[in-house]
Amino acid sequence: MRAIWTGAALVVTLTSGLCFAAATEIDQVGQKFSQTALTVGKGDAVHFVNHDDVTHNINVIDEDDNATDKGLQKPGEAIDQMFDKAGKFMIRCSIHPKMKMTIAVK
């Protein structure tokens, strides 16, 4: 009986851990991100939605200047970025250099 309860507790613990990941939406309008700074938790995702009438591009740059190009994002499209490690990340649009924000991952 003890083994059954231990196994059940493990399943509940593992399953409930998945529920804590969050997704935050960042809009892009007027060639700007809706926020210039954001703090998220490790394992959280950011959902970038292009509500603009022009194409954008999402680049995620870590503290070591390693860039991840998420590709072109046409009007109405969304791009998701999961943040698996703690640190500070710069978000840039390579098409519109004034579009930038920072994301701190705790």
PDB file of N, CA and C in Angstrom:
ATOM      1  N   MET A   1       0.826  -1.196   0.000  1.00  0.00           N
ATOM      2  CA  MET A   1       0.000   0.000   0.000  1.00  0.00           C
ATOM      3  C   MET A   1       0.870   1.259   0.000  1.00  0.00           C
ATOM      4  N   ARG A   2       1.953   1.238   0.743  1.00  0.00           N
ATOM      5  CA  ARG A   2       2.854   2.389   0.826  1.00  0.00           C
ATOM      6  C   ARG A   2       3.450   2.714  -0.548  1.00  0.00           C
ATOM      7  N   ALA A   3       3.829   1.690  -1.311  1.00  0.00           N
ATOM      8  CA  ALA A   3       4.405   1.903  -2.643  1.00  0.00           C
ATOM      9  C   ALA A   3       3.403   2.561  -3.577  1.00  0.00           C
ATOM     10  N   ILE A   4       2.149   2.197  -3.454  1.00  0.00           N
ATOM     11  CA  ILE A   4       1.117   2.801  -4.303  1.00  0.00           C
ATOM     12  C   ILE A   4       0.989   4.289  -4.001  1.00  0.00           C
ATOM     13  N   TRP A   5       0.933   4.658  -2.720  1.00  0.00           N
ATOM     14  CA  TRP A   5       0.812   6.080  -2.366  1.00  0.00           C
ATOM     15  C   TRP A   5       2.047   6.864  -2.770  1.00  0.00           C
ATOM     16  N   THR A   6       3.225   6.293  -2.634  1.00  0.00           N
ATOM     17  CA  THR A   6       4.458   6.971  -3.034  1.00  0.00           C
ATOM     18  C   THR A   6       4.439   7.228  -4.530  1.00  0.00           C
ATOM     19  N   GLY A   7       4.017   6.228  -5.303  1.00  0.00           N
ATOM     20  CA  GLY A   7       3.926   6.395  -6.749  1.00  0.00           C
ATOM     21  C   GLY A   7       2.899   7.448  -7.131  1.00  0.00           C
ATOM     22  N   ALA A   8       1.770   7.458  -6.449  1.00  0.00           N
ATOM     23  CA  ALA A   8       0.725   8.454  -6.723  1.00  0.00           C
ATOM     24  C   ALA A   8       1.216   9.851  -6.386  1.00  0.00           C
ATOM     25  N   ALA A   9       1.940   9.984  -5.289  1.00  0.00           N
ATOM     26  CA  ALA A   9       2.480  11.297  -4.913  1.00  0.00           C
ATOM     27  C   ALA A   9       3.487  11.779  -5.950  1.00  0.00           C
ATOM     28  N   LEU A  10       4.290  10.871  -6.494  1.00  0.00           N
ATOM     29  CA  LEU A  10       5.263  11.228  -7.512  1.00  0.00           C
ATOM     30  C   LEU A  10       4.562  11.707  -8.780  1.00  0.00           C
ATOM     31  N   VAL A  11       3.521  11.024  -9.201  1.00  0.00           N
ATOM     32  CA  VAL A  11       2.763  11.434 -10.385  1.00  0.00           C
ATOM     33  C   VAL A  11       2.156  12.814 -10.174  1.00  0.00           C
ATOM     34  N   VAL A  12       1.553  13.060  -9.018  1.00  0.00           N
ATOM     35  CA  VAL A  12       0.956  14.363  -8.733  1.00  0.00           C
ATOM     36  C   VAL A  12       2.031  15.448  -8.738  1.00  0.00           C
ATOM     37  N   THR A  13       3.190  15.167  -8.139  1.00  0.00           N
ATOM     38  CA  THR A  13       4.276  16.141  -8.097  1.00  0.00           C
ATOM     39  C   THR A  13       4.774  16.455  -9.494  1.00  0.00           C
ATOM     40  N   LEU A  14       5.004  15.438 -10.307  1.00  0.00           N
ATOM     41  CA  LEU A  14       5.497  15.663 -11.665  1.00  0.00           C
ATOM     42  C   LEU A  14       4.471  16.394 -12.515  1.00  0.00           C
ATOM     43  N   THR A  15       3.233  16.009 -12.402  1.00  0.00           N
ATOM     44  CA  THR A  15       2.178  16.639 -13.183  1.00  0.00           C
ATOM     45  C   THR A  15       1.963  18.081 -12.753  1.00  0.00           C
ATOM     46  N   SER A  16       1.960  18.335 -11.466  1.00  0.00           N
ATOM     47  CA  SER A  16       1.705  19.699 -10.998  1.00  0.00           C
ATOM     48  C   SER A  16       2.850  20.621 -11.360  1.00  0.00           C
ATOM     49  N   GLY A  17       4.071  20.092 -11.507  1.00  0.00           N
ATOM     50  CA  GLY A  17       5.202  20.924 -11.912  1.00  0.00           C
ATOM     51  C   GLY A  17       5.007  21.503 -13.295  1.00  0.00           C
ATOM     52  N   LEU A  18       4.320  20.778 -14.141  1.00  0.00           N
ATOM     53  CA  LEU A  18       4.086  21.248 -15.498  1.00  0.00           C
ATOM     54  C   LEU A  18       3.117  22.426 -15.524  1.00  0.00           C
ATOM     55  N   CYS A  19       2.282  22.533 -14.549  1.00  0.00           N
ATOM     56  CA  CYS A  19       1.268  23.568 -14.521  1.00  0.00           C
ATOM     57  C   CYS A  19       1.843  24.948 -14.196  1.00  0.00           C
ATOM     58  N   PHE A  20       3.043  25.004 -13.667  1.00  0.00           N
ATOM     59  CA  PHE A  20       3.602  26.281 -13.263  1.00  0.00           C
ATOM     60  C   PHE A  20       4.230  27.050 -14.420  1.00  0.00           C
ATOM     61  N   ALA A  21       4.510  26.396 -15.546  1.00  0.00           N
ATOM     62  CA  ALA A  21       5.049  27.102 -16.701  1.00  0.00           C
ATOM     63  C   ALA A  21       3.990  28.067 -17.211  1.00  0.00           C
ATOM     64  N   ALA A  22       4.431  29.242 -17.563  1.00  0.00           N
ATOM     65  CA  ALA A  22       3.487  30.278 -17.998  1.00  0.00           C
ATOM     66  C   ALA A  22       3.845  30.759 -19.394  1.00  0.00           C
ATOM     67  N   ALA A  23       2.882  31.351 -20.050  1.00  0.00           N
ATOM     68  CA  ALA A  23       3.103  31.969 -21.345  1.00  0.00           C
ATOM     69  C   ALA A  23       2.662  33.427 -21.250  1.00  0.00           C
ATOM     70  N   THR A  24       3.516  34.309 -21.687  1.00  0.00           N
ATOM     71  CA  THR A  24       3.220  35.734 -21.688  1.00  0.00           C
ATOM     72  C   THR A  24       3.150  36.197 -23.132  1.00  0.00           C
ATOM     73  N   GLU A  25       2.135  36.973 -23.467  1.00  0.00           N
ATOM     74  CA  GLU A  25       1.982  37.463 -24.835  1.00  0.00           C
ATOM     75  C   GLU A  25       2.570  38.859 -24.960  1.00  0.00           C
ATOM     76  N   ILE A  26       3.381  39.039 -25.980  1.00  0.00           N
ATOM     77  CA  ILE A  26       3.947  40.346 -26.322  1.00  0.00           C
ATOM     78  C   ILE A  26       3.427  40.719 -27.706  1.00  0.00           C
ATOM     79  N   ASP A  27       2.754  41.844 -27.787  1.00  0.00           N
ATOM     80  CA  ASP A  27       2.243  42.333 -29.064  1.00  0.00           C
ATOM     81  C   ASP A  27       3.302  43.160 -29.781  1.00  0.00           C
ATOM     82  N   GLN A  28       3.176  43.215 -31.089  1.00  0.00           N
ATOM     83  CA  GLN A  28       4.005  44.075 -31.921  1.00  0.00           C
ATOM     84  C   GLN A  28       3.060  44.965 -32.728  1.00  0.00           C
ATOM     85  N   VAL A  29       3.085  46.244 -32.428  1.00  0.00           N
ATOM     86  CA  VAL A  29       2.212  47.214 -33.089  1.00  0.00           C
ATOM     87  C   VAL A  29       2.995  48.501 -33.270  1.00  0.00           C
ATOM     88  N   GLY A  30       2.857  49.141 -34.426  1.00  0.00           N
ATOM     89  CA  GLY A  30       3.546  50.401 -34.668  1.00  0.00           C
ATOM     90  C   GLY A  30       5.058  50.243 -34.661  1.00  0.00           C
ATOM     91  N   GLN A  31       5.514  49.074 -35.087  1.00  0.00           N
ATOM     92  CA  GLN A  31       6.936  48.734 -35.117  1.00  0.00           C
ATOM     93  C   GLN A  31       7.576  48.876 -33.737  1.00  0.00           C
ATOM     94  N   LYS A  32       6.823  48.434 -32.703  1.00  0.00           N
ATOM     95  CA  LYS A  32       7.307  48.415 -31.326  1.00  0.00           C
ATOM     96  C   LYS A  32       6.788  47.154 -30.648  1.00  0.00           C
ATOM     97  N   PHE A  33       7.564  46.679 -29.660  1.00  0.00           N
ATOM     98  CA  PHE A  33       7.065  45.629 -28.784  1.00  0.00           C
ATOM     99  C   PHE A  33       6.173  46.287 -27.743  1.00  0.00           C
ATOM    100  N   SER A  34       5.162  45.582 -27.264  1.00  0.00           N
ATOM    101  CA  SER A  34       4.232  46.156 -26.293  1.00  0.00           C
ATOM    102  C   SER A  34       4.885  46.409 -24.938  1.00  0.00           C
ATOM    103  N   GLN A  35       6.022  45.789 -24.669  1.00  0.00           N
ATOM    104  CA  GLN A  35       6.781  46.029 -23.440  1.00  0.00           C
ATOM    105  C   GLN A  35       8.261  46.155 -23.813  1.00  0.00           C
ATOM    106  N   THR A  36       8.986  46.953 -23.054  1.00  0.00           N
ATOM    107  CA  THR A  36      10.428  47.064 -23.301  1.00  0.00           C
ATOM    108  C   THR A  36      11.225  46.150 -22.379  1.00  0.00           C
ATOM    109  N   ALA A  37      10.594  45.684 -21.300  1.00  0.00           N
ATOM    110  CA  ALA A  37      11.254  44.769 -20.367  1.00  0.00           C
ATOM    111  C   ALA A  37      10.220  43.824 -19.777  1.00  0.00           C
ATOM    112  N   LEU A  38      10.659  42.608 -19.527  1.00  0.00           N
ATOM    113  CA  LEU A  38       9.773  41.571 -19.019  1.00  0.00           C
ATOM    114  C   LEU A  38      10.596  40.616 -18.174  1.00  0.00           C
ATOM    115  N   THR A  39      10.020  40.116 -17.097  1.00  0.00           N
ATOM    116  CA  THR A  39      10.650  39.078 -16.285  1.00  0.00           C
ATOM    117  C   THR A  39       9.757  37.848 -16.307  1.00  0.00           C
ATOM    118  N   VAL A  40      10.350  36.705 -16.622  1.00  0.00           N
ATOM    119  CA  VAL A  40       9.625  35.436 -16.656  1.00  0.00           C
ATOM    120  C   VAL A  40      10.401  34.414 -15.840  1.00  0.00           C
ATOM    121  N   GLY A  41       9.760  33.301 -15.561  1.00  0.00           N
ATOM    122  CA  GLY A  41      10.411  32.210 -14.848  1.00  0.00           C
ATOM    123  C   GLY A  41      11.072  31.241 -15.809  1.00  0.00           C
ATOM    124  N   LYS A  42      12.076  30.541 -15.319  1.00  0.00           N
ATOM    125  CA  LYS A  42      12.742  29.513 -16.103  1.00  0.00           C
ATOM    126  C   LYS A  42      11.713  28.471 -16.519  1.00  0.00           C
ATOM    127  N   GLY A  43      11.669  28.147 -17.806  1.00  0.00           N
ATOM    128  CA  GLY A  43      10.690  27.205 -18.332  1.00  0.00           C
ATOM    129  C   GLY A  43       9.460  27.873 -18.922  1.00  0.00           C
ATOM    130  N   ASP A  44       9.338  29.182 -18.733  1.00  0.00           N
ATOM    131  CA  ASP A  44       8.197  29.916 -19.286  1.00  0.00           C
ATOM    132  C   ASP A  44       8.413  30.216 -20.774  1.00  0.00           C
ATOM    133  N   ALA A  45       7.330  30.542 -21.443  1.00  0.00           N
ATOM    134  CA  ALA A  45       7.378  30.878 -22.859  1.00  0.00           C
ATOM    135  C   ALA A  45       6.866  32.295 -23.064  1.00  0.00           C
ATOM    136  N   VAL A  46       7.352  32.909 -24.128  1.00  0.00           N
ATOM    137  CA  VAL A  46       6.834  34.209 -24.551  1.00  0.00           C
ATOM    138  C   VAL A  46       6.246  34.018 -25.942  1.00  0.00           C
ATOM    139  N   HIS A  47       5.040  34.516 -26.106  1.00  0.00           N
ATOM    140  CA  HIS A  47       4.261  34.385 -27.336  1.00  0.00           C
ATOM    141  C   HIS A  47       4.269  35.758 -28.012  1.00  0.00           C
ATOM    142  N   PHE A  48       5.055  35.916 -29.072  1.00  0.00           N
ATOM    143  CA  PHE A  48       5.168  37.184 -29.796  1.00  0.00           C
ATOM    144  C   PHE A  48       4.133  37.189 -30.922  1.00  0.00           C
ATOM    145  N   VAL A  49       3.205  38.148 -30.884  1.00  0.00           N
ATOM    146  CA  VAL A  49       2.133  38.226 -31.878  1.00  0.00           C
ATOM    147  C   VAL A  49       2.310  39.488 -32.704  1.00  0.00           C
ATOM    148  N   ASN A  50       2.345  39.334 -34.014  1.00  0.00           N
ATOM    149  CA  ASN A  50       2.510  40.472 -34.911  1.00  0.00           C
ATOM    150  C   ASN A  50       1.135  41.042 -35.253  1.00  0.00           C
ATOM    151  N   HIS A  51       0.754  42.098 -34.533  1.00  0.00           N
ATOM    152  CA  HIS A  51      -0.487  42.809 -34.821  1.00  0.00           C
ATOM    153  C   HIS A  51      -0.208  44.040 -35.674  1.00  0.00           C
ATOM    154  N   ASP A  52       0.961  44.093 -36.252  1.00  0.00           N
ATOM    155  CA  ASP A  52       1.369  45.201 -37.101  1.00  0.00           C
ATOM    156  C   ASP A  52       0.955  44.914 -38.543  1.00  0.00           C
ATOM    157  N   ASP A  53       1.121  45.888 -39.413  1.00  0.00           N
ATOM    158  CA  ASP A  53       0.788  45.679 -40.817  1.00  0.00           C
ATOM    159  C   ASP A  53       2.037  45.443 -41.666  1.00  0.00           C
ATOM    160  N   VAL A  54       3.162  45.157 -41.013  1.00  0.00           N
ATOM    161  CA  VAL A  54       4.423  44.870 -41.710  1.00  0.00           C
ATOM    162  C   VAL A  54       5.030  43.585 -41.128  1.00  0.00           C
ATOM    163  N   THR A  55       5.922  42.970 -41.870  1.00  0.00           N
ATOM    164  CA  THR A  55       6.629  41.770 -41.428  1.00  0.00           C
ATOM    165  C   THR A  55       7.698  42.135 -40.412  1.00  0.00           C
ATOM    166  N   HIS A  56       7.848  41.289 -39.400  1.00  0.00           N
ATOM    167  CA  HIS A  56       8.901  41.455 -38.393  1.00  0.00           C
ATOM    168  C   HIS A  56       9.785  40.216 -38.373  1.00  0.00           C
ATOM    169  N   ASN A  57      10.792  40.267 -37.538  1.00  0.00           N
ATOM    170  CA  ASN A  57      11.711  39.156 -37.334  1.00  0.00           C
ATOM    171  C   ASN A  57      12.075  39.152 -35.857  1.00  0.00           C
ATOM    172  N   ILE A  58      12.100  37.993 -35.245  1.00  0.00           N
ATOM    173  CA  ILE A  58      12.452  37.886 -33.832  1.00  0.00           C
ATOM    174  C   ILE A  58      13.834  37.251 -33.721  1.00  0.00           C
ATOM    175  N   ASN A  59      14.750  37.973 -33.083  1.00  0.00           N
ATOM    176  CA  ASN A  59      16.070  37.444 -32.737  1.00  0.00           C
ATOM    177  C   ASN A  59      16.189  37.448 -31.230  1.00  0.00           C
ATOM    178  N   VAL A  60      16.586  36.319 -30.657  1.00  0.00           N
ATOM    179  CA  VAL A  60      16.781  36.173 -29.218  1.00  0.00           C
ATOM    180  C   VAL A  60      18.288  36.066 -28.992  1.00  0.00           C
ATOM    181  N   ILE A  61      18.844  37.017 -28.230  1.00  0.00           N
ATOM    182  CA  ILE A  61      20.293  37.084 -28.028  1.00  0.00           C
ATOM    183  C   ILE A  61      20.584  36.888 -26.540  1.00  0.00           C
ATOM    184  N   ASP A  62      21.400  35.870 -26.229  1.00  0.00           N
ATOM    185  CA  ASP A  62      21.709  35.593 -24.823  1.00  0.00           C
ATOM    186  C   ASP A  62      22.884  36.447 -24.342  1.00  0.00           C
ATOM    187  N   GLU A  63      23.271  36.258 -23.094  1.00  0.00           N
ATOM    188  CA  GLU A  63      24.322  37.078 -22.479  1.00  0.00           C
ATOM    189  C   GLU A  63      25.702  36.852 -23.105  1.00  0.00           C
ATOM    190  N   ASP A  64      25.874  35.743 -23.832  1.00  0.00           N
ATOM    191  CA  ASP A  64      27.140  35.459 -24.522  1.00  0.00           C
ATOM    192  C   ASP A  64      27.100  35.907 -25.979  1.00  0.00           C
ATOM    193  N   ASP A  65      26.084  36.698 -26.348  1.00  0.00           N
ATOM    194  CA  ASP A  65      25.874  37.188 -27.710  1.00  0.00           C
ATOM    195  C   ASP A  65      25.560  36.092 -28.725  1.00  0.00           C
ATOM    196  N   ASN A  66      25.072  34.951 -28.248  1.00  0.00           N
ATOM    197  CA  ASN A  66      24.590  33.912 -29.156  1.00  0.00           C
ATOM    198  C   ASN A  66      23.171  34.271 -29.561  1.00  0.00           C
ATOM    199  N   ALA A  67      22.935  34.343 -30.859  1.00  0.00           N
ATOM    200  CA  ALA A  67      21.624  34.751 -31.360  1.00  0.00           C
ATOM    201  C   ALA A  67      20.861  33.563 -31.934  1.00  0.00           C
ATOM    202  N   THR A  68      19.574  33.538 -31.645  1.00  0.00           N
ATOM    203  CA  THR A  68      18.664  32.567 -32.246  1.00  0.00           C
ATOM    204  C   THR A  68      17.687  33.356 -33.099  1.00  0.00           C
ATOM    205  N   ASP A  69      17.738  33.128 -34.406  1.00  0.00           N
ATOM    206  CA  ASP A  69      16.851  33.808 -35.347  1.00  0.00           C
ATOM    207  C   ASP A  69      15.589  32.980 -35.474  1.00  0.00           C
ATOM    208  N   LYS A  70      14.454  33.527 -35.051  1.00  0.00           N
ATOM    209  CA  LYS A  70      13.183  32.815 -35.088  1.00  0.00           C
ATOM    210  C   LYS A  70      12.484  32.935 -36.448  1.00  0.00           C
ATOM    211  N   GLY A  71      13.087  33.672 -37.384  1.00  0.00           N
ATOM    212  CA  GLY A  71      12.547  33.760 -38.728  1.00  0.00           C
ATOM    213  C   GLY A  71      11.602  34.931 -38.935  1.00  0.00           C
ATOM    214  N   LEU A  72      11.129  35.041 -40.168  1.00  0.00           N
ATOM    215  CA  LEU A  72      10.210  36.122 -40.524  1.00  0.00           C
ATOM    216  C   LEU A  72       8.841  35.864 -39.921  1.00  0.00           C
ATOM    217  N   GLN A  73       8.191  36.945 -39.554  1.00  0.00           N
ATOM    218  CA  GLN A  73       6.873  36.875 -38.919  1.00  0.00           C
ATOM    219  C   GLN A  73       5.960  37.860 -39.646  1.00  0.00           C
ATOM    220  N   LYS A  74       5.108  37.330 -40.489  1.00  0.00           N
ATOM    221  CA  LYS A  74       4.181  38.157 -41.262  1.00  0.00           C
ATOM    222  C   LYS A  74       3.066  38.688 -40.360  1.00  0.00           C
ATOM    223  N   PRO A  75       2.370  39.750 -40.795  1.00  0.00           N
ATOM    224  CA  PRO A  75       1.245  40.269 -40.019  1.00  0.00           C
ATOM    225  C   PRO A  75       0.248  39.156 -39.680  1.00  0.00           C
ATOM    226  N   GLY A  76      -0.170  39.136 -38.416  1.00  0.00           N
ATOM    227  CA  GLY A  76      -1.119  38.136 -37.949  1.00  0.00           C
ATOM    228  C   GLY A  76      -0.491  36.853 -37.439  1.00  0.00           C
ATOM    229  N   GLU A  77       0.794  36.648 -37.681  1.00  0.00           N
ATOM    230  CA  GLU A  77       1.460  35.431 -37.236  1.00  0.00           C
ATOM    231  C   GLU A  77       2.008  35.581 -35.815  1.00  0.00           C
ATOM    232  N   ALA A  78       2.247  34.439 -35.181  1.00  0.00           N
ATOM    233  CA  ALA A  78       2.817  34.414 -33.826  1.00  0.00           C
ATOM    234  C   ALA A  78       4.050  33.519 -33.817  1.00  0.00           C
ATOM    235  N   ILE A  79       4.985  33.869 -32.955  1.00  0.00           N
ATOM    236  CA  ILE A  79       6.195  33.078 -32.742  1.00  0.00           C
ATOM    237  C   ILE A  79       6.336  32.870 -31.241  1.00  0.00           C
ATOM    238  N   ASP A  80       6.615  31.633 -30.844  1.00  0.00           N
ATOM    239  CA  ASP A  80       6.814  31.310 -29.431  1.00  0.00           C
ATOM    240  C   ASP A  80       8.293  31.084 -29.155  1.00  0.00           C
ATOM    241  N   GLN A  81       8.723  31.523 -27.979  1.00  0.00           N
ATOM    242  CA  GLN A  81      10.092  31.281 -27.534  1.00  0.00           C
ATOM    243  C   GLN A  81      10.040  30.784 -26.098  1.00  0.00           C
ATOM    244  N   MET A  82      10.562  29.594 -25.870  1.00  0.00           N
ATOM    245  CA  MET A  82      10.656  29.011 -24.530  1.00  0.00           C
ATOM    246  C   MET A  82      12.003  29.411 -23.940  1.00  0.00           C
ATOM    247  N   PHE A  83      11.995  29.809 -22.671  1.00  0.00           N
ATOM    248  CA  PHE A  83      13.222  30.191 -21.976  1.00  0.00           C
ATOM    249  C   PHE A  83      13.552  29.127 -20.944  1.00  0.00           C
ATOM    250  N   ASP A  84      14.521  28.267 -21.283  1.00  0.00           N
ATOM    251  CA  ASP A  84      14.881  27.126 -20.442  1.00  0.00           C
ATOM    252  C   ASP A  84      15.996  27.420 -19.452  1.00  0.00           C
ATOM    253  N   LYS A  85      16.706  28.525 -19.650  1.00  0.00           N
ATOM    254  CA  LYS A  85      17.796  28.833 -18.722  1.00  0.00           C
ATOM    255  C   LYS A  85      17.677  30.255 -18.212  1.00  0.00           C
ATOM    256  N   ALA A  86      18.159  30.448 -16.988  1.00  0.00           N
ATOM    257  CA  ALA A  86      18.120  31.777 -16.376  1.00  0.00           C
ATOM    258  C   ALA A  86      19.118  32.696 -17.066  1.00  0.00           C
ATOM    259  N   GLY A  87      18.837  33.983 -17.023  1.00  0.00           N
ATOM    260  CA  GLY A  87      19.737  34.966 -17.605  1.00  0.00           C
ATOM    261  C   GLY A  87      18.972  36.140 -18.178  1.00  0.00           C
ATOM    262  N   LYS A  88      19.705  36.998 -18.864  1.00  0.00           N
ATOM    263  CA  LYS A  88      19.117  38.171 -19.496  1.00  0.00           C
ATOM    264  C   LYS A  88      19.220  38.000 -21.007  1.00  0.00           C
ATOM    265  N   PHE A  89      18.113  38.228 -21.681  1.00  0.00           N
ATOM    266  CA  PHE A  89      18.039  38.044 -23.126  1.00  0.00           C
ATOM    267  C   PHE A  89      17.595  39.338 -23.794  1.00  0.00           C
ATOM    268  N   MET A  90      18.227  39.667 -24.889  1.00  0.00           N
ATOM    269  CA  MET A  90      17.834  40.815 -25.699  1.00  0.00           C
ATOM    270  C   MET A  90      16.976  40.279 -26.848  1.00  0.00           C
ATOM    271  N   ILE A  91      15.880  40.956 -27.107  1.00  0.00           N
ATOM    272  CA  ILE A  91      14.993  40.588 -28.210  1.00  0.00           C
ATOM    273  C   ILE A  91      15.044  41.724 -29.216  1.00  0.00           C
ATOM    274  N   ARG A  92      15.302  41.388 -30.463  1.00  0.00           N
ATOM    275  CA  ARG A  92      15.445  42.393 -31.513  1.00  0.00           C
ATOM    276  C   ARG A  92      14.674  41.961 -32.757  1.00  0.00           C
ATOM    277  N   CYS A  93      14.245  42.949 -33.529  1.00  0.00           N
ATOM    278  CA  CYS A  93      13.729  42.726 -34.878  1.00  0.00           C
ATOM    279  C   CYS A  93      14.833  43.161 -35.827  1.00  0.00           C
ATOM    280  N   SER A  94      15.341  42.239 -36.639  1.00  0.00           N
ATOM    281  CA  SER A  94      16.438  42.592 -37.542  1.00  0.00           C
ATOM    282  C   SER A  94      15.976  43.490 -38.688  1.00  0.00           C
ATOM    283  N   ILE A  95      14.686  43.553 -38.927  1.00  0.00           N
ATOM    284  CA  ILE A  95      14.142  44.421 -39.981  1.00  0.00           C
ATOM    285  C   ILE A  95      13.987  45.851 -39.465  1.00  0.00           C
ATOM    286  N   HIS A  96      13.585  45.985 -38.209  1.00  0.00           N
ATOM    287  CA  HIS A  96      13.345  47.293 -37.591  1.00  0.00           C
ATOM    288  C   HIS A  96      14.248  47.434 -36.367  1.00  0.00           C
ATOM    289  N   PRO A  97      15.465  47.969 -36.526  1.00  0.00           N
ATOM    290  CA  PRO A  97      16.455  48.012 -35.444  1.00  0.00           C
ATOM    291  C   PRO A  97      16.000  48.730 -34.172  1.00  0.00           C
ATOM    292  N   LYS A  98      15.012  49.611 -34.261  1.00  0.00           N
ATOM    293  CA  LYS A  98      14.539  50.299 -33.060  1.00  0.00           C
ATOM    294  C   LYS A  98      13.625  49.417 -32.213  1.00  0.00           C
ATOM    295  N   MET A  99      13.178  48.289 -32.769  1.00  0.00           N
ATOM    296  CA  MET A  99      12.334  47.340 -32.024  1.00  0.00           C
ATOM    297  C   MET A  99      13.249  46.488 -31.164  1.00  0.00           C
ATOM    298  N   LYS A 100      13.176  46.719 -29.844  1.00  0.00           N
ATOM    299  CA  LYS A 100      13.997  45.927 -28.948  1.00  0.00           C
ATOM    300  C   LYS A 100      13.361  45.876 -27.564  1.00  0.00           C
ATOM    301  N   MET A 101      13.674  44.803 -26.875  1.00  0.00           N
ATOM    302  CA  MET A 101      13.223  44.634 -25.493  1.00  0.00           C
ATOM    303  C   MET A 101      14.184  43.678 -24.798  1.00  0.00           C
ATOM    304  N   THR A 102      14.107  43.635 -23.469  1.00  0.00           N
ATOM    305  CA  THR A 102      14.910  42.687 -22.711  1.00  0.00           C
ATOM    306  C   THR A 102      13.980  41.756 -21.940  1.00  0.00           C
ATOM    307  N   ILE A 103      14.438  40.524 -21.787  1.00  0.00           N
ATOM    308  CA  ILE A 103      13.702  39.551 -20.989  1.00  0.00           C
ATOM    309  C   ILE A 103      14.668  38.973 -19.966  1.00  0.00           C
ATOM    310  N   ALA A 104      14.309  39.111 -18.696  1.00  0.00           N
ATOM    311  CA  ALA A 104      15.072  38.517 -17.600  1.00  0.00           C
ATOM    312  C   ALA A 104      14.384  37.209 -17.231  1.00  0.00           C
ATOM    313  N   VAL A 105      15.161  36.140 -17.178  1.00  0.00           N
ATOM    314  CA  VAL A 105      14.620  34.828 -16.824  1.00  0.00           C
ATOM    315  C   VAL A 105      15.191  34.448 -15.466  1.00  0.00           C
ATOM    316  N   LYS A 106      14.303  34.257 -14.501  1.00  0.00           N
ATOM    317  CA  LYS A 106      14.705  33.927 -13.119  1.00  0.00           C
ATOM    318  C   LYS A 106      14.518  32.464 -12.848  1.00  0.00           C
TER     319      LYS A 106
END
